[in-house]
Amino acid sequence: MVVLDRFQNLSAIRIENEGMRIIVLPENGGKVASIYDKQKNFELLFQNPKQQFERPKIYSNFADFDASGFDDAFPTIDQCSIDVNGQKIIYPDHGEIWSARFDSVIEGDYALMTYQSIILPYRYSKRLSLHDKRLVCSYKIENTGKVSFPFLWAFHCLVNYNEDMKLIFPRDIEHVENVCESRRFGEVGAIYSAPVDMIKTGQMYDFTTVPPRTPKSMEKYYIKEKITEGRCGYYYPSKDVTAVIEYDAEKLPYLGFWVTAGGFRGDYNCALEPATGYYDSVPVADKNHSSCVLTPGEKFEFALTIELS
């Protein structure tokens, strides 16, 4: 069942079956605001701490808003200045999509949302459907103009933090690069072996765990090599729920992980972030020889699924 609904103070689309309920907010970037397991009484996504959604504008500061749920980061995560055919274009903080107002239609058992960019020549389409306990997200990003432009796409899906949760990584990871100065990982650029490493303090650190609730902290790191298995996720022992994310590793060959255990705004959430580039902005991805370019008429199409079991 796919129907129009309300969620907090916004118009919403509700996608629901016997096992799950999905809430989508077309007016706020097509955000998926809730992925709820009805049988387990379990909410996967970190919820808006303000209880009411504000409507951001392009070039708004992401941290000033709800920073909740599942957004798409495109064409960047970090704000950056890009030369596009001799013209300077500012790519907004966390991209353009999270602040966009999508046109939406309900067609049968799926919701289709579209948006035409106001800063670059592209049309962005996202189609969502629910099959048993699996949310399918299909994307098409089409260059509708006459110039090429570079981009980064990242899966910005903030899930609830539990101190005892376990992270599920692809099987082929070897090294992790720290990209956010933190108490445990030290300076940006430090590299560790994964999934388990003996860090400089001599203490064993398991990358399948999250930092403790106290002291407050935040961390971010990336798998240094390209991955070949597009599968990652979370296990919540207290609910006996596993959330598995599957996708095409050729389209999204890089994987980051972000967690705030009270260190960012007092929030407690985390996010495994499959991405097209390494990492967080077009200039950094270009420096790391991992940037992508969308040429005139080209379509970048891919899909990912989120399954609860």
Protein backbone atom coordinates (compact mmCIF):
# COMPACT_ATOMS: atom_id res chain seq x y z
CA MET A 1 0.00 0.00 0.00
CA VAL A 2 1.30 3.45 -0.99
CA VAL A 3 -0.77 6.43 0.21
CA LEU A 4 -0.52 10.13 0.99
CA ASP A 5 -0.15 10.90 4.69
CA ARG A 6 1.17 13.44 7.24
CA PHE A 7 4.31 13.04 9.33
CA GLN A 8 4.82 15.56 12.10
CA ASN A 9 4.16 18.87 10.30
CA LEU A 10 4.80 17.81 6.68
CA SER A 11 3.02 16.10 3.84
CA ALA A 12 4.31 12.55 3.50
CA ILE A 13 4.06 9.35 1.51
CA ARG A 14 3.47 6.17 3.50
CA ILE A 15 4.59 2.86 2.00
CA GLU A 16 3.34 -0.04 4.10
CA ASN A 17 2.76 -3.77 4.21
CA GLU A 18 2.21 -6.34 6.96
CA GLY A 19 5.82 -6.20 8.13
CA MET A 20 7.08 -2.66 7.60
CA ARG A 21 6.12 1.00 7.34
CA ILE A 22 8.15 3.58 5.40
CA ILE A 23 7.60 7.34 5.67
CA VAL A 24 8.92 9.62 2.90
CA LEU A 25 8.97 13.45 2.86
CA PRO A 26 9.00 14.77 -0.75
CA GLU A 27 9.03 18.40 0.41
CA ASN A 28 12.24 17.85 2.42
CA GLY A 29 14.56 16.35 -0.15
CA GLY A 30 12.68 13.09 -0.56
CA LYS A 31 13.97 12.17 2.89
CA VAL A 32 13.03 8.72 4.19
CA ALA A 33 12.03 9.75 7.72
CA SER A 34 11.12 6.32 9.09
CA ILE A 35 11.88 2.66 8.40
CA TYR A 36 9.76 0.84 10.96
CA ASP A 37 9.56 -2.89 11.62
CA LYS A 38 5.98 -3.43 12.81
CA GLN A 39 6.57 -6.99 14.00
CA LYS A 40 9.59 -6.08 16.14
CA ASN A 41 8.35 -2.59 17.13
CA PHE A 42 11.71 -1.31 15.91
CA GLU A 43 12.62 2.01 14.28
CA LEU A 44 15.85 1.85 12.28
CA LEU A 45 16.31 5.54 11.51
CA PHE A 46 17.44 8.29 13.87
CA GLN A 47 14.44 10.54 14.43
CA ASN A 48 14.14 14.31 14.19
CA PRO A 49 15.10 15.58 17.68
CA LYS A 50 13.08 18.78 17.14
CA GLN A 51 9.75 16.95 16.58
CA GLN A 52 8.86 19.47 13.86
CA PHE A 53 10.64 19.68 10.51
CA GLU A 54 11.93 23.00 9.24
CA ARG A 55 12.28 23.49 5.51
CA PRO A 56 15.87 24.19 4.46
CA LYS A 57 16.82 26.21 1.42
CA ILE A 58 19.67 25.59 -0.97
CA TYR A 59 22.97 26.54 0.72
CA SER A 60 21.48 26.05 4.18
CA ASN A 61 23.86 24.62 6.78
CA PHE A 62 23.00 20.94 7.25
CA ALA A 63 23.87 21.01 10.97
CA ASP A 64 21.29 23.76 11.58
CA PHE A 65 18.44 21.39 10.68
CA ASP A 66 17.19 18.00 11.83
CA ALA A 67 20.15 15.84 10.63
CA SER A 68 17.93 12.77 10.83
CA GLY A 69 16.68 9.93 8.66
CA PHE A 70 17.90 8.92 5.21
CA ASP A 71 19.00 11.69 2.83
CA ASP A 72 20.89 11.54 -0.46
CA ALA A 73 24.15 13.51 -0.55
CA PHE A 74 24.59 14.78 -4.12
CA PRO A 75 26.64 16.27 -5.81
CA THR A 76 28.89 16.44 -2.70
CA ILE A 77 28.96 16.03 1.07
CA ASP A 78 31.29 18.88 2.04
CA GLN A 79 30.61 22.26 0.43
CA CYS A 80 33.11 23.01 -2.32
CA SER A 81 33.74 25.34 -5.25
CA ILE A 82 33.86 23.64 -8.66
CA ASP A 83 34.75 24.91 -12.12
CA VAL A 84 32.07 23.78 -14.57
CA ASN A 85 32.89 24.79 -18.15
CA GLY A 86 34.70 27.91 -16.95
CA GLN A 87 32.00 28.91 -14.47
CA LYS A 88 32.47 28.75 -10.70
CA ILE A 89 29.68 26.71 -9.08
CA ILE A 90 29.34 26.32 -5.31
CA TYR A 91 28.22 22.80 -4.42
CA PRO A 92 26.13 23.17 -1.21
CA ASP A 93 26.85 21.66 2.19
CA HIS A 94 25.71 18.01 2.04
CA GLY A 95 24.71 18.62 -1.57
CA GLU A 96 21.63 20.06 -3.21
CA ILE A 97 19.20 17.16 -2.82
CA TRP A 98 18.52 17.22 0.94
CA SER A 99 17.06 20.73 0.69
CA ALA A 100 15.15 20.18 -2.58
CA ARG A 101 11.38 20.03 -2.98
CA PHE A 102 10.55 16.99 -5.07
CA ASP A 103 7.60 16.47 -7.35
CA SER A 104 6.04 13.13 -6.44
CA VAL A 105 3.54 10.66 -7.84
CA ILE A 106 2.16 7.38 -6.57
CA GLU A 107 2.01 4.72 -9.26
CA GLY A 108 0.72 1.34 -8.16
CA ASP A 109 2.98 -0.06 -5.46
CA TYR A 110 5.75 2.55 -5.61
CA ALA A 111 6.41 6.26 -5.11
CA LEU A 112 8.34 8.21 -7.74
CA MET A 113 10.01 11.54 -6.91
CA THR A 114 11.76 13.90 -9.34
CA TYR A 115 13.69 17.14 -9.06
CA GLN A 116 15.30 19.47 -11.62
CA SER A 117 18.45 21.10 -10.27
CA ILE A 118 18.69 24.89 -10.07
CA ILE A 119 22.50 25.01 -10.00
CA LEU A 120 23.53 22.26 -12.45
CA PRO A 121 22.02 20.68 -15.58
CA TYR A 122 20.60 17.48 -14.12
CA ARG A 123 17.30 15.80 -13.34
CA TYR A 124 17.22 13.60 -10.26
CA SER A 125 14.74 10.73 -9.92
CA LYS A 126 14.19 8.40 -6.98
CA ARG A 127 11.74 5.49 -6.95
CA LEU A 128 10.84 3.71 -3.69
CA SER A 129 8.99 0.43 -3.24
CA LEU A 130 8.55 -2.12 -0.47
CA HIS A 131 8.84 -5.89 -0.93
CA ASP A 132 8.26 -7.93 2.23
CA LYS A 133 10.75 -6.32 4.65
CA ARG A 134 13.00 -4.86 1.95
CA LEU A 135 12.95 -1.22 0.86
CA VAL A 136 14.13 -0.84 -2.75
CA CYS A 137 15.54 2.56 -3.76
CA SER A 138 16.17 3.05 -7.48
CA TYR A 139 17.94 6.15 -8.78
CA LYS A 140 18.41 7.89 -12.11
CA ILE A 141 20.50 11.06 -12.39
CA GLU A 142 20.46 12.48 -15.91
CA ASN A 143 22.61 15.28 -17.34
CA THR A 144 20.04 17.39 -19.22
CA GLY A 145 22.48 20.07 -20.36
CA LYS A 146 25.38 20.61 -22.74
CA VAL A 147 28.26 20.60 -20.26
CA SER A 148 29.87 17.90 -18.14
CA PHE A 149 30.16 18.26 -14.37
CA PRO A 150 31.89 16.25 -11.62
CA PHE A 151 29.93 14.74 -8.76
CA LEU A 152 29.96 12.68 -5.60
CA TRP A 153 26.95 10.63 -4.45
CA ALA A 154 26.82 9.25 -0.92
CA PHE A 155 24.25 7.24 1.05
CA HIS A 156 23.55 9.53 4.03
CA CYS A 157 21.32 7.30 6.13
CA LEU A 158 21.46 8.04 9.86
CA VAL A 159 20.40 5.04 11.94
CA ASN A 160 19.84 4.75 15.66
CA TYR A 161 22.91 4.22 17.85
CA ASN A 162 22.96 1.42 20.43
CA GLU A 163 26.09 0.90 22.49
CA ASP A 164 26.05 -2.86 21.89
CA MET A 165 25.28 -2.73 18.14
CA LYS A 166 27.56 -4.47 15.66
CA LEU A 167 28.62 -3.24 12.23
CA ILE A 168 28.56 -5.52 9.21
CA PHE A 169 31.31 -4.74 6.70
CA PRO A 170 32.10 -6.22 3.29
CA ARG A 171 34.37 -9.24 3.49
CA ASP A 172 37.23 -7.75 1.45
CA ILE A 173 38.26 -4.76 3.58
CA GLU A 174 41.92 -4.44 4.56
CA HIS A 175 42.65 -0.90 5.75
CA VAL A 176 40.77 1.97 7.37
CA GLU A 177 41.72 5.65 7.07
CA ASN A 178 40.71 8.06 9.82
CA VAL A 179 39.15 11.23 8.34
CA CYS A 180 37.97 12.98 11.53
CA GLU A 181 40.24 13.77 14.48
CA SER A 182 39.04 11.73 17.44
CA ARG A 183 40.08 10.47 20.85
CA ARG A 184 40.54 6.87 19.76
CA PHE A 185 41.86 7.23 16.23
CA GLY A 186 43.98 10.34 16.67
CA GLU A 187 44.85 12.59 13.74
CA VAL A 188 43.26 12.69 10.31
CA GLY A 189 45.13 10.41 7.91
CA ALA A 190 46.01 7.66 10.40
CA ILE A 191 45.63 4.23 8.79
CA TYR A 192 44.70 1.00 10.56
CA SER A 193 44.25 -2.61 9.57
CA ALA A 194 40.67 -3.90 9.60
CA PRO A 195 38.40 -5.34 10.85
CA VAL A 196 40.52 -5.65 14.03
CA ASP A 197 43.65 -3.67 14.82
CA MET A 198 46.09 -3.13 17.67
CA ILE A 199 46.26 0.66 17.87
CA LYS A 200 49.19 2.66 19.24
CA THR A 201 47.96 2.48 22.84
CA GLY A 202 48.34 -1.29 22.70
CA GLN A 203 44.61 -1.84 23.13
CA MET A 204 42.69 -4.02 20.70
CA TYR A 205 40.08 -2.14 18.69
CA ASP A 206 37.36 -3.96 16.82
CA PHE A 207 35.97 -1.96 13.87
CA THR A 208 32.70 -3.87 14.06
CA THR A 209 31.85 -2.00 17.29
CA VAL A 210 30.84 1.61 17.97
CA PRO A 211 32.38 3.89 20.62
CA PRO A 212 30.83 3.81 24.11
CA ARG A 213 28.17 6.31 25.18
CA THR A 214 30.61 8.00 27.56
CA PRO A 215 32.77 9.95 27.13
CA LYS A 216 30.95 11.80 24.35
CA SER A 217 32.67 11.40 20.99
CA MET A 218 32.31 11.38 17.22
CA GLU A 219 34.28 9.45 14.62
CA LYS A 220 34.48 9.04 10.88
CA TYR A 221 36.62 6.70 8.83
CA TYR A 222 36.68 5.17 5.34
CA ILE A 223 37.65 1.80 3.96
CA LYS A 224 40.79 2.79 2.10
CA GLU A 225 40.52 0.38 -0.83
CA LYS A 226 37.70 -0.01 -3.32
CA ILE A 227 35.27 -2.64 -2.16
CA THR A 228 34.04 -5.48 -4.35
CA GLU A 229 31.12 -6.71 -2.21
CA GLY A 230 28.21 -4.26 -2.03
CA ARG A 231 26.88 -5.41 1.30
CA CYS A 232 27.04 -3.82 4.75
CA GLY A 233 24.73 -3.22 7.69
CA TYR A 234 23.98 -3.33 11.41
CA TYR A 235 23.00 -5.88 14.03
CA TYR A 236 21.01 -4.76 17.11
CA PRO A 237 21.31 -7.54 19.73
CA SER A 238 18.73 -6.08 22.12
CA LYS A 239 16.06 -6.28 19.40
CA ASP A 240 17.58 -9.20 17.49
CA VAL A 241 17.22 -7.15 14.30
CA THR A 242 19.68 -7.08 11.42
CA ALA A 243 19.55 -4.27 8.85
CA VAL A 244 21.38 -5.15 5.64
CA ILE A 245 22.21 -2.65 2.88
CA GLU A 246 22.93 -4.12 -0.56
CA TYR A 247 24.03 -2.27 -3.69
CA ASP A 248 26.19 -2.42 -6.82
CA ALA A 249 29.81 -2.06 -5.67
CA GLU A 250 30.89 -1.07 -9.17
CA LYS A 251 28.63 2.00 -8.95
CA LEU A 252 29.40 2.72 -5.28
CA PRO A 253 32.91 1.37 -4.72
CA TYR A 254 33.83 3.31 -1.56
CA LEU A 255 32.50 2.96 1.98
CA GLY A 256 32.68 5.33 4.94
CA PHE A 257 31.37 5.15 8.49
CA TRP A 258 30.21 8.05 10.67
CA VAL A 259 29.15 7.87 14.30
CA THR A 260 28.24 10.48 16.88
CA ALA A 261 28.02 9.18 20.43
CA GLY A 262 26.90 12.53 21.79
CA GLY A 263 29.85 14.37 20.25
CA PHE A 264 27.90 16.15 17.50
CA ARG A 265 25.04 18.30 18.82
CA GLY A 266 24.44 15.70 21.52
CA ASP A 267 23.02 13.33 18.88
CA TYR A 268 23.46 9.55 19.02
CA ASN A 269 23.41 8.04 15.53
CA CYS A 270 25.64 6.44 12.94
CA ALA A 271 25.80 5.81 9.20
CA LEU A 272 27.52 3.40 6.88
CA GLU A 273 27.98 5.47 3.72
CA PRO A 274 28.50 3.75 0.35
CA ALA A 275 29.72 6.40 -2.09
CA THR A 276 30.95 6.98 -5.62
CA GLY A 277 34.19 8.67 -4.53
CA TYR A 278 36.83 8.82 -1.83
CA TYR A 279 35.87 10.95 0.09
CA ASP A 280 33.31 13.66 1.12
CA SER A 281 33.90 16.25 -1.63
CA VAL A 282 34.63 16.44 -5.35
CA PRO A 283 38.09 18.07 -4.89
CA VAL A 284 39.19 15.40 -2.39
CA ALA A 285 37.84 12.61 -4.59
CA ASP A 286 39.67 14.12 -7.55
CA LYS A 287 42.88 14.26 -5.52
CA ASN A 288 42.38 10.59 -4.66
CA HIS A 289 41.71 9.68 -8.32
CA SER A 290 38.13 8.64 -7.56
CA SER A 291 36.00 11.47 -8.91
CA CYS A 292 33.07 10.87 -11.28
CA VAL A 293 31.83 13.02 -14.17
CA LEU A 294 28.37 13.15 -15.71
CA THR A 295 28.58 14.03 -19.42
CA PRO A 296 25.80 15.64 -21.51
CA GLY A 297 22.93 13.19 -22.00
CA GLU A 298 24.49 10.60 -19.69
CA LYS A 299 22.38 8.81 -17.07
CA PHE A 300 23.86 7.49 -13.83
CA GLU A 301 21.50 4.73 -12.70
CA PHE A 302 21.80 2.45 -9.68
CA ALA A 303 19.77 0.88 -6.88
CA LEU A 304 20.21 -0.11 -3.28
CA THR A 305 18.07 -2.02 -0.81
CA ILE A 306 17.60 -1.90 2.95
CA GLU A 307 16.30 -5.13 4.44
CA LEU A 308 15.33 -5.84 8.05
CA SER A 309 15.46 -9.42 9.29
